[in-house]
Amino acid sequence: MKADQKTAHGSCHAYTRHLTSCPHRREKEYNVCACPKWIYLRRKGEKSRRFSLETPSWQEAQEIAARKLEELNPTVAEARKKVEERKRKLVTVKDACDLWIEATKSRTNRSGTREQNSVMVKKFMAWAGDQGIEYVQDVTTMLLERWYRGAEWTRYADLTRSQRWVMVRSMVRYWFERGILDRDPIAVIKPIRANGDHVQGPYTDQQVAAILKQVEDDSRLKSFVAVLLHTGCDVVDAVLHDPARIEDVAIGERLVPVYRYRRTKTGVEAVIPLAIDAAQEMRSITGTAQNPEMMPFRNPGVELITDSHNWSQKVKAAINAAGVGWVELPTRDDRGRPKRKPANTKQFRHTAAVRWLREGQRPEDVARMLGHVDTAMVRRHYAPWVKELDKAHISRVVGNWAAMAPGE
């Protein structure tokens, strides 16, 4: 560079300091040798400075000199300073998600909750990857809202969609509270309000019979469906079924088989008295050579979430093959017709709960068998199918009328 590159704010140029061993040491304009490259810098109103560069490349030295010349402009220097500060604060989506997962582990000891958080983190990371988002600071309200209004979310039932979005909101809020984000881009996107409709329903006796007939030639699948029907457990807890959990409890002179397990989703213990034939069926389940004997449905080397998904898909395929396409809900549409829900594996839990209620079990006892902390879920999600509960309520009220004194 023969002369200074100048602006109103100063001048800067690169030059080569030839070594004594360089054959071009007397050629002042020769710069493509491997000798050290230096910068001459003079800011207006200040003394000039010279400093060496960590490169022998003349092209790179010229590029550095051009950047330094631009940075003599205070406006440019301030803008670049802010960019560099932001880069130092940037956190990758993966690192931010890993931090959230660690935080949730310390907040809850429920494996089911941790599992759900992990699933949502994977979905968030997949979405960010599709959007080309590397750093969590580049997540915007507009992008999040577009995602939430898209097909990936609208295919969920309202209640499921609302619950899962709350998890995403909690994660983003955590990043904001920890200073990773300087604003909360998800705060203004409210989860949709679930309309209160029941999201699942029980199978009828005819539908259950059709499904059992479909699986009768597959002993393991038949046993898996039996566990769902006998215990009313979630799929993940059926996958973790251990025959050793069945114990005989002495009630007077009678031994009653009782199955106990702790729900993966909530950590609440479920306690289920079993009929003798049901207990015998659940005790006699055997796995394959690859399955541990204590958990005949569990596959070694496969993540629990994958195992649960695979079993759920097998059951769903059998439901479809049996010609069971839907269950009725207790709510009705504008024309007074019962609403329907596409058949799925989850509905075996509802089938068991409604069956117990129809057999005369108290809501408090059904809640204990389902692993609920109270009867609220039982009364809301299962009781509407049981007309006997409604009749019992009316009978008690009328009985109180009869007991009242005349004129009261």
Foldseek 3Di string as FASTA:
>chain_A
DPDWDDDPFWTKDKFFCDDPPDPCNVPRPDQADQGWMKMWTDTPPDDIDIDTDPGSHPVVRRVVRVVVNVCSPVVVVVVVVVVVVVVVLWDFLVRLLVVLLVVVVVVDVQQQVSVLLVVLSVVVVVLCVVVVHTTPQPDALVSVVCVCPDPVQVVDQLVVSQVSVVSVQVSLVVCCVVPSYVDRRCVVPHRDDHPLFFQAAADDPVLVVLLLVLCVVPLQLNLLLLCCQFQLEALLVSQQAFLVQWDFDDDPPGTWTWHWDQHSNPRFIAIGTGDPVSNVSSNPDAADPQDDRRRRQYGPPDDSVVSSVVSQVVSVVSSVVSVNFWDWTLDADPVRHTDIHGDGPNNSSLNNLLVCVQVPDDLQNSCRSHRHPGSPCSVSHRVSVHVVVVVVVVVVVVVVVVVDDPPD
